[in-house]
Amino acid sequence: MSIAHGRIFREAWVEGVKQHYPGEPKSGYVTPWEETPEWERESAAAVYEQVRGFIEATGGRTDKLSRVQKGRFVALCWIGQIYKHFTDPKLAYVADWEDMPGWQQETDADIFERIEQEV
């Protein structure tokens, strides 16, 4: 896993939160990469690689996916990382797509599209 890829994921997350979060986001949502916990850095890099692999495996035809489909993919990959790092996570951390707040759905779709641009 690449640290640089994890950083790109995190930057896309922070940009998305700043754009889509209603009001003032929690400080943890916009923490700079250097201050992000190690498990979260590892997770960001892992999810980046999963999205990149998916894009490459489709020959780049992910451009035909809807934003919802792209966001769901990121969300599911992230939930996998939560279960990897936490034995009993808060339900909000592993919520299904339909139960996620709209700002988070939009941010996850933005992350996918940012990785598409990088690939």
N, C-alpha and C. Protein backbone atom coordinates (compact mmCIF):
# COMPACT_ATOMS: atom_id res chain seq x y z
N MET A 1 0.85 -1.19 0.00
CA MET A 1 0.00 0.00 0.00
C MET A 1 0.88 1.24 0.00
N SER A 2 0.40 2.22 -0.67
CA SER A 2 1.17 3.44 -0.83
C SER A 2 0.69 4.53 0.13
N ILE A 3 1.64 5.12 0.82
CA ILE A 3 1.31 6.25 1.69
C ILE A 3 0.74 7.40 0.86
N ALA A 4 1.33 7.62 -0.31
CA ALA A 4 0.85 8.70 -1.18
C ALA A 4 -0.61 8.47 -1.56
N HIS A 5 -0.98 7.23 -1.82
CA HIS A 5 -2.37 6.94 -2.17
C HIS A 5 -3.30 7.17 -0.98
N GLY A 6 -2.85 6.81 0.19
CA GLY A 6 -3.64 7.08 1.39
C GLY A 6 -3.85 8.57 1.58
N ARG A 7 -2.83 9.33 1.31
CA ARG A 7 -2.93 10.79 1.44
C ARG A 7 -3.93 11.36 0.44
N ILE A 8 -3.93 10.86 -0.79
CA ILE A 8 -4.89 11.31 -1.80
C ILE A 8 -6.31 11.00 -1.33
N PHE A 9 -6.52 9.81 -0.81
CA PHE A 9 -7.83 9.44 -0.28
C PHE A 9 -8.25 10.42 0.81
N ARG A 10 -7.35 10.68 1.76
CA ARG A 10 -7.67 11.56 2.88
C ARG A 10 -7.95 12.98 2.40
N GLU A 11 -7.16 13.48 1.46
CA GLU A 11 -7.39 14.82 0.93
C GLU A 11 -8.76 14.91 0.27
N ALA A 12 -9.15 13.86 -0.47
CA ALA A 12 -10.46 13.85 -1.12
C ALA A 12 -11.57 13.82 -0.06
N TRP A 13 -11.34 13.07 1.02
CA TRP A 13 -12.31 13.03 2.11
C TRP A 13 -12.49 14.42 2.73
N VAL A 14 -11.39 15.06 3.08
CA VAL A 14 -11.45 16.38 3.72
C VAL A 14 -12.12 17.39 2.79
N GLU A 15 -11.74 17.38 1.51
CA GLU A 15 -12.38 18.29 0.55
C GLU A 15 -13.88 18.04 0.47
N GLY A 16 -14.28 16.77 0.44
CA GLY A 16 -15.69 16.43 0.37
C GLY A 16 -16.45 16.86 1.61
N VAL A 17 -15.85 16.65 2.78
CA VAL A 17 -16.48 17.06 4.03
C VAL A 17 -16.68 18.58 4.02
N LYS A 18 -15.66 19.30 3.64
CA LYS A 18 -15.76 20.76 3.62
C LYS A 18 -16.84 21.24 2.66
N GLN A 19 -17.04 20.51 1.57
CA GLN A 19 -18.04 20.91 0.58
C GLN A 19 -19.45 20.48 0.97
N HIS A 20 -19.60 19.27 1.53
CA HIS A 20 -20.92 18.69 1.69
C HIS A 20 -21.47 18.69 3.12
N TYR A 21 -20.60 18.80 4.12
CA TYR A 21 -21.06 18.72 5.51
C TYR A 21 -21.89 19.96 5.85
N PRO A 22 -23.07 19.75 6.42
CA PRO A 22 -23.89 20.92 6.79
C PRO A 22 -23.37 21.57 8.06
N GLY A 23 -22.95 22.78 7.97
CA GLY A 23 -22.41 23.47 9.14
C GLY A 23 -20.93 23.22 9.31
N GLU A 24 -20.50 23.30 10.56
CA GLU A 24 -19.08 23.12 10.90
C GLU A 24 -18.80 21.65 11.18
N PRO A 25 -17.92 21.01 10.38
CA PRO A 25 -17.64 19.59 10.62
C PRO A 25 -16.84 19.36 11.90
N LYS A 26 -16.97 18.17 12.44
CA LYS A 26 -16.17 17.77 13.59
C LYS A 26 -14.69 17.86 13.21
N SER A 27 -13.86 18.22 14.18
CA SER A 27 -12.43 18.40 13.87
C SER A 27 -11.80 17.12 13.34
N GLY A 28 -12.24 15.97 13.84
CA GLY A 28 -11.69 14.71 13.38
C GLY A 28 -11.96 14.44 11.90
N TYR A 29 -13.02 15.03 11.37
CA TYR A 29 -13.35 14.85 9.96
C TYR A 29 -12.38 15.58 9.04
N VAL A 30 -11.75 16.61 9.53
CA VAL A 30 -10.86 17.42 8.69
C VAL A 30 -9.42 17.46 9.22
N THR A 31 -9.09 16.51 10.05
CA THR A 31 -7.73 16.42 10.59
C THR A 31 -6.73 16.24 9.44
N PRO A 32 -5.65 17.00 9.44
CA PRO A 32 -4.64 16.84 8.39
C PRO A 32 -4.01 15.44 8.43
N TRP A 33 -3.50 15.02 7.31
CA TRP A 33 -2.90 13.69 7.16
C TRP A 33 -1.88 13.40 8.25
N GLU A 34 -1.03 14.36 8.54
CA GLU A 34 0.03 14.14 9.51
C GLU A 34 -0.50 13.84 10.91
N GLU A 35 -1.71 14.27 11.22
CA GLU A 35 -2.30 14.06 12.53
C GLU A 35 -3.35 12.94 12.54
N THR A 36 -3.55 12.31 11.40
CA THR A 36 -4.52 11.23 11.29
C THR A 36 -3.97 9.98 11.96
N PRO A 37 -4.79 9.26 12.74
CA PRO A 37 -4.32 8.04 13.39
C PRO A 37 -3.79 7.01 12.39
N GLU A 38 -2.86 6.21 12.83
CA GLU A 38 -2.20 5.24 11.95
C GLU A 38 -3.21 4.27 11.32
N TRP A 39 -4.17 3.78 12.11
CA TRP A 39 -5.15 2.84 11.54
C TRP A 39 -5.93 3.48 10.40
N GLU A 40 -6.19 4.78 10.54
CA GLU A 40 -6.96 5.48 9.52
C GLU A 40 -6.12 5.72 8.27
N ARG A 41 -4.85 5.97 8.46
CA ARG A 41 -3.95 6.12 7.31
C ARG A 41 -3.87 4.81 6.53
N GLU A 42 -3.69 3.71 7.28
CA GLU A 42 -3.62 2.40 6.64
C GLU A 42 -4.92 2.10 5.90
N SER A 43 -6.02 2.43 6.52
CA SER A 43 -7.33 2.17 5.91
C SER A 43 -7.53 3.01 4.65
N ALA A 44 -7.12 4.27 4.70
CA ALA A 44 -7.24 5.14 3.53
C ALA A 44 -6.44 4.56 2.36
N ALA A 45 -5.23 4.11 2.63
CA ALA A 45 -4.40 3.52 1.58
C ALA A 45 -5.02 2.22 1.05
N ALA A 46 -5.55 1.41 1.94
CA ALA A 46 -6.16 0.14 1.54
C ALA A 46 -7.38 0.37 0.64
N VAL A 47 -8.23 1.30 1.03
CA VAL A 47 -9.44 1.56 0.24
C VAL A 47 -9.06 2.19 -1.10
N TYR A 48 -8.09 3.08 -1.11
CA TYR A 48 -7.62 3.62 -2.39
C TYR A 48 -7.24 2.47 -3.31
N GLU A 49 -6.46 1.52 -2.79
CA GLU A 49 -6.00 0.40 -3.61
C GLU A 49 -7.15 -0.47 -4.09
N GLN A 50 -8.17 -0.65 -3.24
CA GLN A 50 -9.35 -1.42 -3.66
C GLN A 50 -10.09 -0.73 -4.79
N VAL A 51 -10.26 0.57 -4.67
CA VAL A 51 -10.95 1.33 -5.72
C VAL A 51 -10.11 1.31 -7.00
N ARG A 52 -8.83 1.54 -6.86
CA ARG A 52 -7.93 1.52 -8.03
C ARG A 52 -8.00 0.18 -8.73
N GLY A 53 -7.94 -0.91 -7.95
CA GLY A 53 -8.02 -2.25 -8.53
C GLY A 53 -9.32 -2.49 -9.27
N PHE A 54 -10.42 -1.99 -8.71
CA PHE A 54 -11.73 -2.11 -9.35
C PHE A 54 -11.77 -1.35 -10.67
N ILE A 55 -11.24 -0.13 -10.65
CA ILE A 55 -11.20 0.69 -11.87
C ILE A 55 -10.37 -0.02 -12.95
N GLU A 56 -9.22 -0.52 -12.56
CA GLU A 56 -8.34 -1.20 -13.52
C GLU A 56 -8.97 -2.49 -14.02
N ALA A 57 -9.65 -3.23 -13.13
CA ALA A 57 -10.26 -4.50 -13.52
C ALA A 57 -11.42 -4.31 -14.50
N THR A 58 -11.99 -3.12 -14.52
CA THR A 58 -13.09 -2.84 -15.46
C THR A 58 -12.58 -2.16 -16.72
N GLY A 59 -11.29 -2.03 -16.84
CA GLY A 59 -10.74 -1.34 -18.00
C GLY A 59 -11.11 0.13 -18.03
N GLY A 60 -11.35 0.69 -16.84
CA GLY A 60 -11.69 2.10 -16.74
C GLY A 60 -13.15 2.40 -17.04
N ARG A 61 -13.98 1.39 -17.17
CA ARG A 61 -15.38 1.62 -17.52
C ARG A 61 -16.23 2.00 -16.31
N THR A 62 -15.58 2.29 -15.22
CA THR A 62 -16.31 2.80 -14.05
C THR A 62 -16.91 4.17 -14.33
N ASP A 63 -16.49 4.78 -15.43
CA ASP A 63 -17.08 6.07 -15.82
C ASP A 63 -18.58 5.92 -16.13
N LYS A 64 -19.04 4.68 -16.32
CA LYS A 64 -20.45 4.42 -16.60
C LYS A 64 -21.27 4.23 -15.32
N LEU A 65 -20.59 4.14 -14.16
CA LEU A 65 -21.30 3.96 -12.89
C LEU A 65 -21.93 5.28 -12.46
N SER A 66 -23.02 5.18 -11.72
CA SER A 66 -23.63 6.38 -11.13
C SER A 66 -22.81 6.80 -9.92
N ARG A 67 -23.03 8.02 -9.47
CA ARG A 67 -22.35 8.49 -8.25
C ARG A 67 -22.75 7.63 -7.05
N VAL A 68 -23.98 7.18 -7.02
CA VAL A 68 -24.42 6.32 -5.91
C VAL A 68 -23.62 5.02 -5.93
N GLN A 69 -23.48 4.41 -7.08
CA GLN A 69 -22.71 3.16 -7.17
C GLN A 69 -21.26 3.37 -6.75
N LYS A 70 -20.68 4.47 -7.18
CA LYS A 70 -19.29 4.77 -6.81
C LYS A 70 -19.17 4.97 -5.30
N GLY A 71 -20.07 5.76 -4.75
CA GLY A 71 -20.03 6.02 -3.32
C GLY A 71 -20.25 4.77 -2.49
N ARG A 72 -21.18 3.93 -2.92
CA ARG A 72 -21.45 2.67 -2.20
C ARG A 72 -20.21 1.80 -2.15
N PHE A 73 -19.47 1.77 -3.26
CA PHE A 73 -18.26 0.95 -3.30
C PHE A 73 -17.25 1.44 -2.27
N VAL A 74 -17.03 2.74 -2.23
CA VAL A 74 -16.10 3.30 -1.24
C VAL A 74 -16.59 3.00 0.17
N ALA A 75 -17.88 3.21 0.41
CA ALA A 75 -18.43 2.99 1.75
C ALA A 75 -18.25 1.55 2.19
N LEU A 76 -18.51 0.60 1.31
CA LEU A 76 -18.38 -0.81 1.68
C LEU A 76 -16.93 -1.17 1.96
N CYS A 77 -16.03 -0.67 1.14
CA CYS A 77 -14.60 -0.92 1.39
C CYS A 77 -14.18 -0.34 2.74
N TRP A 78 -14.68 0.85 3.05
CA TRP A 78 -14.32 1.50 4.33
C TRP A 78 -14.89 0.69 5.51
N ILE A 79 -16.11 0.21 5.38
CA ILE A 79 -16.70 -0.60 6.45
C ILE A 79 -15.83 -1.83 6.71
N GLY A 80 -15.31 -2.43 5.67
CA GLY A 80 -14.39 -3.56 5.85
C GLY A 80 -13.18 -3.18 6.68
N GLN A 81 -12.66 -1.99 6.46
CA GLN A 81 -11.52 -1.53 7.24
C GLN A 81 -11.91 -1.28 8.71
N ILE A 82 -13.10 -0.77 8.92
CA ILE A 82 -13.56 -0.54 10.30
C ILE A 82 -13.58 -1.88 11.04
N TYR A 83 -14.14 -2.91 10.41
CA TYR A 83 -14.20 -4.22 11.05
C TYR A 83 -12.80 -4.81 11.24
N LYS A 84 -11.89 -4.49 10.36
CA LYS A 84 -10.50 -4.96 10.51
C LYS A 84 -9.86 -4.37 11.76
N HIS A 85 -10.13 -3.10 12.04
CA HIS A 85 -9.44 -2.40 13.11
C HIS A 85 -10.19 -2.33 14.43
N PHE A 86 -11.49 -2.60 14.42
CA PHE A 86 -12.30 -2.49 15.64
C PHE A 86 -13.15 -3.73 15.81
N THR A 87 -13.09 -4.34 16.99
CA THR A 87 -13.87 -5.55 17.22
C THR A 87 -15.34 -5.27 17.44
N ASP A 88 -15.66 -4.12 17.99
CA ASP A 88 -17.06 -3.78 18.27
C ASP A 88 -17.31 -2.31 17.93
N PRO A 89 -17.32 -1.98 16.62
CA PRO A 89 -17.44 -0.57 16.24
C PRO A 89 -18.84 -0.01 16.51
N LYS A 90 -18.90 1.31 16.63
CA LYS A 90 -20.19 1.98 16.73
C LYS A 90 -21.00 1.68 15.47
N LEU A 91 -22.30 1.56 15.63
CA LEU A 91 -23.15 1.27 14.49
C LEU A 91 -23.04 2.33 13.39
N ALA A 92 -22.86 3.58 13.78
CA ALA A 92 -22.74 4.65 12.79
C ALA A 92 -21.52 4.45 11.89
N TYR A 93 -20.47 3.79 12.41
CA TYR A 93 -19.26 3.57 11.63
C TYR A 93 -19.43 2.49 10.56
N VAL A 94 -20.44 1.65 10.73
CA VAL A 94 -20.65 0.54 9.80
C VAL A 94 -22.06 0.57 9.20
N ALA A 95 -22.64 1.75 9.14
CA ALA A 95 -24.00 1.91 8.63
C ALA A 95 -24.08 1.56 7.15
N ASP A 96 -25.20 0.95 6.76
CA ASP A 96 -25.46 0.70 5.35
C ASP A 96 -25.64 2.03 4.63
N TRP A 97 -25.47 1.99 3.33
CA TRP A 97 -25.55 3.18 2.49
C TRP A 97 -26.79 4.01 2.78
N GLU A 98 -27.94 3.35 2.84
CA GLU A 98 -29.21 4.05 3.03
C GLU A 98 -29.28 4.78 4.37
N ASP A 99 -28.49 4.33 5.33
CA ASP A 99 -28.50 4.92 6.67
C ASP A 99 -27.42 5.98 6.87
N MET A 100 -26.59 6.19 5.87
CA MET A 100 -25.53 7.18 5.97
C MET A 100 -26.10 8.57 5.68
N PRO A 101 -25.56 9.60 6.33
CA PRO A 101 -26.01 10.96 5.99
C PRO A 101 -25.62 11.32 4.56
N GLY A 102 -26.43 12.18 3.96
CA GLY A 102 -26.19 12.58 2.57
C GLY A 102 -24.82 13.16 2.32
N TRP A 103 -24.30 13.95 3.28
CA TRP A 103 -22.97 14.55 3.08
C TRP A 103 -21.91 13.47 2.96
N GLN A 104 -22.08 12.38 3.71
CA GLN A 104 -21.10 11.30 3.67
C GLN A 104 -21.21 10.51 2.36
N GLN A 105 -22.42 10.31 1.89
CA GLN A 105 -22.62 9.65 0.61
C GLN A 105 -21.95 10.44 -0.52
N GLU A 106 -22.17 11.75 -0.51
CA GLU A 106 -21.57 12.60 -1.55
C GLU A 106 -20.05 12.59 -1.46
N THR A 107 -19.54 12.62 -0.24
CA THR A 107 -18.09 12.61 -0.05
C THR A 107 -17.48 11.31 -0.54
N ASP A 108 -18.13 10.18 -0.25
CA ASP A 108 -17.62 8.89 -0.72
C ASP A 108 -17.61 8.83 -2.25
N ALA A 109 -18.64 9.37 -2.89
CA ALA A 109 -18.67 9.41 -4.36
C ALA A 109 -17.54 10.30 -4.88
N ASP A 110 -17.30 11.42 -4.21
CA ASP A 110 -16.20 12.30 -4.60
C ASP A 110 -14.86 11.57 -4.51
N ILE A 111 -14.69 10.78 -3.47
CA ILE A 111 -13.43 10.03 -3.30
C ILE A 111 -13.22 9.09 -4.48
N PHE A 112 -14.26 8.35 -4.84
CA PHE A 112 -14.15 7.43 -5.98
C PHE A 112 -13.74 8.20 -7.23
N GLU A 113 -14.41 9.30 -7.48
CA GLU A 113 -14.12 10.08 -8.69
C GLU A 113 -12.72 10.68 -8.66
N ARG A 114 -12.24 11.03 -7.50
CA ARG A 114 -10.86 11.53 -7.39
C ARG A 114 -9.87 10.43 -7.74
N ILE A 115 -10.13 9.22 -7.26
CA ILE A 115 -9.25 8.10 -7.58
C ILE A 115 -9.32 7.79 -9.07
N GLU A 116 -10.50 7.88 -9.67
CA GLU A 116 -10.63 7.70 -11.12
C GLU A 116 -9.71 8.66 -11.87
N GLN A 117 -9.68 9.91 -11.42
CA GLN A 117 -8.82 10.92 -12.07
C GLN A 117 -7.36 10.55 -11.94
N GLU A 118 -6.99 10.00 -10.79
CA GLU A 118 -5.59 9.63 -10.54
C GLU A 118 -5.17 8.44 -11.38
N VAL A 119 -6.10 7.50 -11.58
CA VAL A 119 -5.80 6.27 -12.33
C VAL A 119 -5.83 6.59 -13.81
